[in-house]
Protein backbone atom coordinates (compact mmCIF):
# COMPACT_ATOMS: atom_id res chain seq x y z
CA MET A 1 0.00 0.00 0.00
CA ASP A 2 1.31 3.43 -0.94
CA GLU A 3 2.82 5.81 1.59
CA ILE A 4 0.03 8.36 1.49
CA ASP A 5 -2.29 10.13 3.88
CA TYR A 6 -5.34 7.93 4.21
CA PRO A 7 -8.80 9.23 5.15
CA LEU A 8 -9.13 10.00 8.88
CA SER A 9 -5.35 9.79 9.34
CA ARG A 10 -5.71 12.20 12.28
CA SER A 11 -7.36 9.32 14.16
CA PRO A 12 -5.05 6.33 13.56
CA VAL A 13 -5.71 2.90 15.04
CA VAL A 14 -3.12 0.69 13.38
CA ARG A 15 -0.92 0.38 10.31
CA THR A 16 1.00 -2.87 10.19
CA ARG A 17 2.41 -5.77 8.17
CA ASP A 18 1.85 -8.09 11.13
CA PRO A 19 -1.48 -10.00 10.86
CA GLU A 20 -1.51 -10.63 14.62
CA GLU A 21 -1.24 -6.92 15.38
CA MET A 22 -4.16 -6.27 13.03
CA ARG A 23 -6.15 -9.11 14.59
CA ASN A 24 -5.69 -7.58 18.04
CA ALA A 25 -6.74 -4.10 16.83
CA LEU A 26 -9.83 -5.47 15.10
CA HIS A 27 -10.84 -7.32 18.25
CA THR A 28 -10.19 -4.56 20.79
CA VAL A 29 -11.35 -1.51 18.79
CA TYR A 30 -14.00 -2.88 16.43
CA GLY A 31 -15.20 -5.99 18.28
CA ALA A 32 -14.31 -8.46 15.50
CA THR A 33 -14.54 -12.13 16.44
CA GLY A 34 -12.76 -13.66 13.45
CA PHE A 35 -9.79 -12.75 11.25
CA ALA A 36 -7.97 -14.63 8.48
CA VAL A 37 -5.39 -13.66 5.84
CA ALA A 38 -4.89 -15.59 2.60
CA ASN A 39 -1.14 -14.87 2.42
CA SER A 40 0.52 -13.34 5.48
CA ALA A 41 3.67 -12.55 3.47
CA ASP A 42 1.69 -10.07 1.35
CA PHE A 43 -0.30 -8.64 4.23
CA GLU A 44 -0.45 -4.97 5.06
CA GLY A 45 -3.38 -3.28 6.74
CA VAL A 46 -4.30 0.21 7.85
CA ALA A 47 -7.22 1.34 10.02
CA ASN A 48 -8.31 4.76 11.30
CA TYR A 49 -11.38 5.42 13.43
CA LEU A 50 -13.11 8.41 15.00
CA VAL A 51 -16.04 8.28 17.44
CA LEU A 52 -18.66 11.07 17.45
CA PRO A 53 -21.70 11.39 19.75
CA ASN A 54 -24.02 9.22 17.63
CA ILE A 55 -21.84 7.77 14.91
CA GLY A 56 -18.44 6.25 14.31
CA LEU A 57 -16.50 6.91 11.12
CA GLY A 58 -13.59 4.76 10.09
CA PHE A 59 -11.26 3.88 7.24
CA CYS A 60 -9.59 0.55 6.48
CA GLY A 61 -7.60 -0.95 3.65
CA TYR A 62 -5.85 -4.28 3.05
CA ALA A 63 -3.10 -5.18 0.58
CA ALA A 64 -3.84 -8.93 0.76
CA LYS A 65 -7.11 -10.86 0.74
CA THR A 66 -8.52 -10.68 4.26
CA VAL A 67 -11.64 -12.07 5.93
CA VAL A 68 -13.07 -10.45 9.06
CA GLU A 69 -16.06 -11.65 11.09
CA PHE A 70 -18.22 -9.35 13.23
CA PRO A 71 -20.90 -10.30 15.79
CA GLU A 72 -24.27 -8.62 16.24
CA GLY A 73 -24.00 -4.92 17.09
CA ASP A 74 -26.26 -2.17 18.44
CA PHE A 75 -25.60 -0.09 15.31
CA ALA A 76 -26.04 -0.13 11.56
CA ARG A 77 -22.88 -0.34 9.48
CA LEU A 78 -22.50 1.25 6.04
CA GLN A 79 -19.47 0.34 3.91
CA VAL A 80 -18.52 2.96 1.32
CA GLY A 81 -16.03 1.50 -1.15
CA LEU A 82 -13.23 3.78 -2.27
CA ARG A 83 -11.03 1.37 -4.20
CA GLY A 84 -11.15 -2.31 -5.16
CA LYS A 85 -13.83 -4.86 -4.23
CA ALA A 86 -15.19 -6.67 -1.19
CA GLY A 87 -18.00 -9.08 -0.38
CA LEU A 88 -20.43 -8.65 2.51
CA VAL A 89 -21.76 -11.98 3.80
CA LEU A 90 -24.85 -11.47 5.98
CA GLY A 91 -26.04 -13.85 8.68
CA ALA A 92 -28.24 -15.95 6.39
CA GLY A 93 -25.37 -16.51 3.94
CA THR A 94 -26.33 -13.86 1.36
CA THR A 95 -23.24 -12.25 -0.22
CA LEU A 96 -23.50 -8.65 -1.41
CA PRO A 97 -20.81 -6.83 -3.46
CA VAL A 98 -19.16 -3.68 -2.10
CA ASP A 99 -17.17 -1.43 -4.43
CA GLU A 100 -16.98 2.16 -5.66
CA GLU A 101 -20.50 1.86 -7.09
CA LYS A 102 -22.25 -0.26 -4.44
CA CYS A 103 -22.30 0.37 -0.70
CA GLY A 104 -22.93 -2.43 1.78
CA ILE A 105 -25.22 -2.23 4.82
CA THR A 106 -25.26 -4.44 7.89
CA PRO A 107 -28.47 -3.92 9.89
CA PRO A 108 -28.38 -3.64 13.70
CA GLY A 109 -28.37 -6.97 15.50
CA GLN A 110 -27.06 -8.98 12.55
CA PRO A 111 -23.69 -10.78 12.41
CA THR A 112 -21.64 -10.39 9.25
CA THR A 113 -18.49 -11.53 7.50
CA ILE A 114 -16.55 -9.20 5.20
CA ILE A 115 -14.26 -10.57 2.51
CA PHE A 116 -11.72 -7.90 1.51
CA GLU A 117 -10.07 -8.49 -1.86
CA PRO A 118 -6.43 -7.33 -2.27
CA GLY A 119 -6.13 -3.55 -2.50
CA PHE A 120 -9.62 -2.83 -1.15
CA GLU A 121 -10.14 0.46 0.73
CA GLN A 122 -13.32 1.76 2.31
CA LEU A 123 -14.94 4.21 4.68
CA VAL A 124 -17.17 2.67 7.33
CA LEU A 125 -20.05 4.57 8.89
CA ARG A 126 -21.55 3.23 12.12
CA ILE A 127 -24.83 4.72 13.38
CA LYS A 128 -26.16 3.81 16.82
CA THR A 129 -29.55 2.10 16.89
CA THR A 130 -30.79 4.63 19.46
CA ALA A 131 -29.84 7.52 17.13
CA LEU A 132 -31.68 5.88 14.22
CA GLU A 133 -34.79 5.35 16.34
CA LYS A 134 -34.70 8.93 17.61
CA ALA A 135 -34.36 10.30 14.07
CA LEU A 136 -37.16 8.03 12.83
CA THR A 137 -39.42 9.32 15.61
CA ALA A 138 -38.67 12.88 14.50
CA LEU A 139 -39.45 12.04 10.86
CA LEU A 140 -42.70 10.28 11.71
CA GLY A 141 -43.83 12.76 14.35
CA ALA A 142 -44.39 9.89 16.82
CA PRO A 143 -42.42 6.88 18.14
CA PRO A 144 -42.49 3.93 15.70
CA ARG A 145 -44.85 1.15 16.76
CA GLY A 146 -42.39 -1.62 15.96
CA THR A 147 -38.69 -2.35 15.64
CA LEU A 148 -36.84 -0.63 12.79
CA LEU A 149 -35.88 -3.42 10.35
CA PHE A 150 -33.59 -2.80 7.36
CA ASP A 151 -33.61 -4.81 4.13
CA ALA A 152 -29.91 -5.08 3.33
CA THR A 153 -30.54 -6.92 0.04
CA ALA A 154 -32.86 -4.26 -1.43
CA PRO A 155 -31.21 -1.60 -3.62
CA PRO A 156 -31.01 1.81 -1.92
CA LYS A 157 -33.08 4.74 -3.17
CA GLN A 158 -31.39 6.96 -5.72
CA PRO A 159 -30.28 9.74 -5.84
CA ILE A 160 -30.45 9.82 -2.03
CA ALA A 161 -27.97 6.94 -1.76
CA GLN A 162 -25.45 8.94 -3.81
CA LEU A 163 -26.03 11.92 -1.51
CA LEU A 164 -25.35 9.66 1.49
CA ARG A 165 -22.04 8.62 -0.05
CA GLN A 166 -21.10 12.25 -0.72
CA LEU A 167 -21.99 13.30 2.85
CA THR A 168 -19.86 10.46 4.26
CA LEU A 169 -16.90 11.52 2.11
CA LEU A 170 -17.46 15.17 3.06
CA LEU A 171 -17.48 14.44 6.79
CA ALA A 172 -14.33 12.30 6.50
CA ASP A 173 -12.60 15.09 4.56
CA GLN A 174 -13.68 17.76 7.06
CA LEU A 175 -12.55 15.68 10.04
CA ASN A 176 -9.23 14.92 8.40
CA SER A 177 -8.42 18.55 7.64
CA THR A 178 -10.10 20.47 10.46
CA ALA A 179 -10.69 17.95 13.25
CA ALA A 180 -9.35 20.31 15.90
CA GLN A 181 -11.13 23.41 14.57
CA LEU A 182 -14.50 22.15 13.30
CA PRO A 183 -17.22 24.06 15.21
CA ARG A 184 -19.35 21.77 17.35
CA PRO A 185 -22.65 23.04 15.85
CA THR A 186 -21.35 22.26 12.35
CA LEU A 187 -20.21 18.80 13.46
CA LEU A 188 -23.57 17.97 15.04
CA GLU A 189 -25.46 19.17 11.99
CA LEU A 190 -23.31 17.06 9.64
CA GLU A 191 -23.87 14.06 11.90
CA GLN A 192 -27.63 14.70 11.92
CA ALA A 193 -27.70 15.09 8.14
CA LEU A 194 -25.94 11.72 7.75
CA ILE A 195 -28.41 9.93 10.03
CA MET A 196 -31.48 11.43 8.33
CA THR A 197 -30.09 10.71 4.85
CA PHE A 198 -29.24 7.14 5.86
CA LEU A 199 -32.86 6.55 6.92
CA SER A 200 -34.12 8.06 3.66
CA ALA A 201 -31.74 6.13 1.40
CA GLN A 202 -31.86 2.62 2.87
CA ARG A 203 -34.88 0.34 2.55
CA HIS A 204 -36.65 -0.59 5.80
CA ASN A 205 -40.11 -1.34 7.15
CA TYR A 206 -40.96 2.37 7.50
CA THR A 207 -39.86 3.42 3.99
CA ASP A 208 -43.40 3.49 2.60
CA VAL A 209 -44.61 5.63 5.50
CA LEU A 210 -41.79 8.13 5.01
CA ASP A 211 -42.51 8.26 1.26
CA SER A 212 -46.17 9.14 1.82
CA PRO A 213 -47.23 12.83 1.71
CA ALA A 214 -46.55 14.65 4.96
CA THR A 215 -49.29 16.38 6.91
CA GLU A 216 -48.81 20.11 6.51
CA PRO A 217 -49.00 22.20 9.70
CA ALA A 218 -50.09 25.80 9.95
CA PRO A 219 -47.69 28.68 9.12
CA LEU A 220 -47.47 29.39 12.88
CA VAL A 221 -45.22 26.35 13.13
CA VAL A 222 -42.84 27.87 10.57
CA ARG A 223 -42.66 31.14 12.50
CA SER A 224 -42.06 29.25 15.75
CA ALA A 225 -39.22 27.32 14.15
CA GLU A 226 -37.68 30.51 12.78
CA GLU A 227 -37.91 32.18 16.19
CA TYR A 228 -36.21 29.18 17.78
CA ILE A 229 -33.42 29.25 15.19
CA GLU A 230 -32.95 33.00 15.68
CA ALA A 231 -32.62 32.51 19.44
CA ASN A 232 -30.25 29.53 19.17
CA TRP A 233 -28.19 30.34 16.06
CA ALA A 234 -24.88 29.70 17.85
CA ARG A 235 -25.93 26.14 18.77
CA ALA A 236 -26.33 23.12 16.54
CA ILE A 237 -29.72 23.34 14.83
CA VAL A 238 -30.87 19.71 14.73
CA ALA A 239 -33.95 18.78 12.72
CA GLU A 240 -35.45 16.51 15.35
CA GLU A 241 -35.02 19.18 18.04
CA LEU A 242 -36.80 21.70 15.82
CA ALA A 243 -39.66 19.24 15.37
CA THR A 244 -39.91 18.73 19.13
CA GLN A 245 -39.89 22.48 19.79
CA THR A 246 -42.70 23.06 17.28
CA ASN A 247 -44.67 19.92 18.22
CA THR A 248 -44.69 18.45 14.72
CA SER A 249 -42.72 15.96 12.62
CA VAL A 250 -39.58 16.71 10.64
CA ARG A 251 -41.35 15.90 7.35
CA SER A 252 -44.28 18.17 8.15
CA LEU A 253 -41.97 20.99 9.21
CA TYR A 254 -39.90 20.76 6.03
CA ALA A 255 -43.07 20.58 3.91
CA ALA A 256 -44.36 23.78 5.52
CA PHE A 257 -41.05 25.59 4.98
CA ARG A 258 -41.06 24.58 1.31
CA LYS A 259 -44.61 25.87 0.79
CA TYR A 260 -44.55 29.05 2.86
CA ARG A 261 -40.89 30.05 2.61
CA GLY A 262 -39.40 28.25 -0.38
CA TYR A 263 -36.37 27.10 1.61
CA SER A 264 -35.51 24.58 4.33
CA PRO A 265 -35.01 25.24 8.07
CA MET A 266 -31.27 24.64 7.60
CA GLN A 267 -31.08 27.19 4.80
CA PHE A 268 -32.81 29.67 7.10
CA ALA A 269 -30.27 28.83 9.85
CA LYS A 270 -27.44 29.53 7.39
CA SER A 271 -28.94 32.91 6.50
CA VAL A 272 -29.23 33.80 10.20
CA ARG A 273 -25.57 32.94 10.75
CA LEU A 274 -24.52 34.91 7.69
CA ARG A 275 -26.37 37.96 9.01
CA ARG A 276 -24.68 37.53 12.40
CA ALA A 277 -21.31 37.27 10.68
CA ARG A 278 -22.00 40.48 8.77
CA GLN A 279 -22.85 42.27 12.03
CA MET A 280 -19.54 41.15 13.56
CA LEU A 281 -17.57 42.20 10.47
CA LEU A 282 -19.22 45.63 10.45
CA GLU A 283 -17.84 46.21 13.96
CA GLY A 284 -14.35 46.27 12.44
CA ASN A 285 -12.77 44.83 15.60
CA PRO A 286 -8.95 44.88 15.06
CA ARG A 287 -8.61 41.96 17.50
CA THR A 288 -10.48 39.58 15.24
CA SER A 289 -10.32 38.39 11.61
CA VAL A 290 -12.62 37.18 8.88
CA SER A 291 -11.68 33.56 9.58
CA GLN A 292 -12.36 33.96 13.32
CA VAL A 293 -15.77 35.50 12.60
CA ALA A 294 -16.59 32.65 10.21
CA PHE A 295 -15.63 30.08 12.85
CA LYS A 296 -17.70 31.80 15.56
CA CYS A 297 -20.72 31.70 13.27
CA GLY A 298 -20.39 27.99 12.50
CA PHE A 299 -18.59 28.09 9.13
CA SER A 300 -15.56 25.78 8.90
CA ASN A 301 -14.84 26.23 5.19
CA LEU A 302 -13.74 29.79 4.39
CA GLY A 303 -14.27 29.34 0.67
CA HIS A 304 -17.88 28.26 1.13
CA PHE A 305 -18.40 31.04 3.69
CA ALA A 306 -17.13 33.71 1.27
CA ARG A 307 -19.25 32.32 -1.60
CA ASP A 308 -22.46 32.18 0.45
CA PHE A 309 -21.76 35.60 1.97
CA ARG A 310 -21.34 37.23 -1.45
CA GLU A 311 -24.47 35.54 -2.80
CA MET A 312 -26.47 36.99 0.10
CA PHE A 313 -24.92 40.46 0.48
CA GLY A 314 -23.33 41.17 -2.90
CA GLU A 315 -19.75 41.54 -1.62
CA LEU A 316 -17.08 39.47 0.06
CA PRO A 317 -16.75 39.39 3.86
CA SER A 318 -13.17 40.65 3.55
CA GLN A 319 -14.44 43.74 1.70
CA ILE A 320 -16.94 44.59 4.44
CA PHE A 321 -14.37 43.98 7.15
CA ALA A 322 -11.71 46.14 5.47
CA ARG A 323 -14.17 48.99 4.95
CA ALA A 324 -15.36 48.79 8.58
CA ARG A 325 -11.78 48.94 9.88
CA ARG A 326 -10.99 51.99 7.75
CA MET A 327 -14.02 53.78 9.16
């Protein structure tokens, strides 16, 4: 395997040519119960892993053919292939391909075996069962009446599945480049977006309910949500929390925003933060900077911040800041 920076290299677990060292890491960190290598002389493995409040995000790659067995877990696992091929063997013996085009899902409570072909690399997203159930409750507007059951053999819904892949890659990239600086509200919102998108993309026993038209609440709910966002702009704005605050479901809330505002609650939250950033820049404080203002307002990517700022106000944040300091 090439000497390069792998995804999530800021959170290394192991990089080794020793199969026994990899076996130990897989057992202690990931809970694997079985491990086998076709040719130990060709073996090299690398694994990185980062734990967030409701999800885990990892990277692994193997130079030689490797088989790893995992027991039942209290989380769903999504394998996002980056290079090469693998096979996902579910509990009943069904084998599903995993590559750059096809992701693999292991439902909560189901054992699995993964066959990594030589040169395979992947990102692995783990989402806690409790987080999935909480998000599903927010989407439905009420607790589900039965256990959430995924159909791992059914093809995911497109283009949402592609969006899920892109969000996973985005989060890995953000954590690799700005892990120490990423604002907590931004991190929580990215995590929430991943969980909600996962539920929308993967087939399960509540898919048909989520696909049905949402009940549309009164415009008062929209105003209440906007007032809550205005009052809590510096915190993470989480969809399920908004639904709880306005006593409705996430789907109904988003449907109302689309009809009465033409944008989503998260787009409104971005506009609030952009306005706050503009207020700070207009103060012209010599003890701060454009990047510090962007960070305080929840923007981790300065390029995206400058683009969104100019789209909203017609000039760059640096231009406003420079003019304010001259005055």
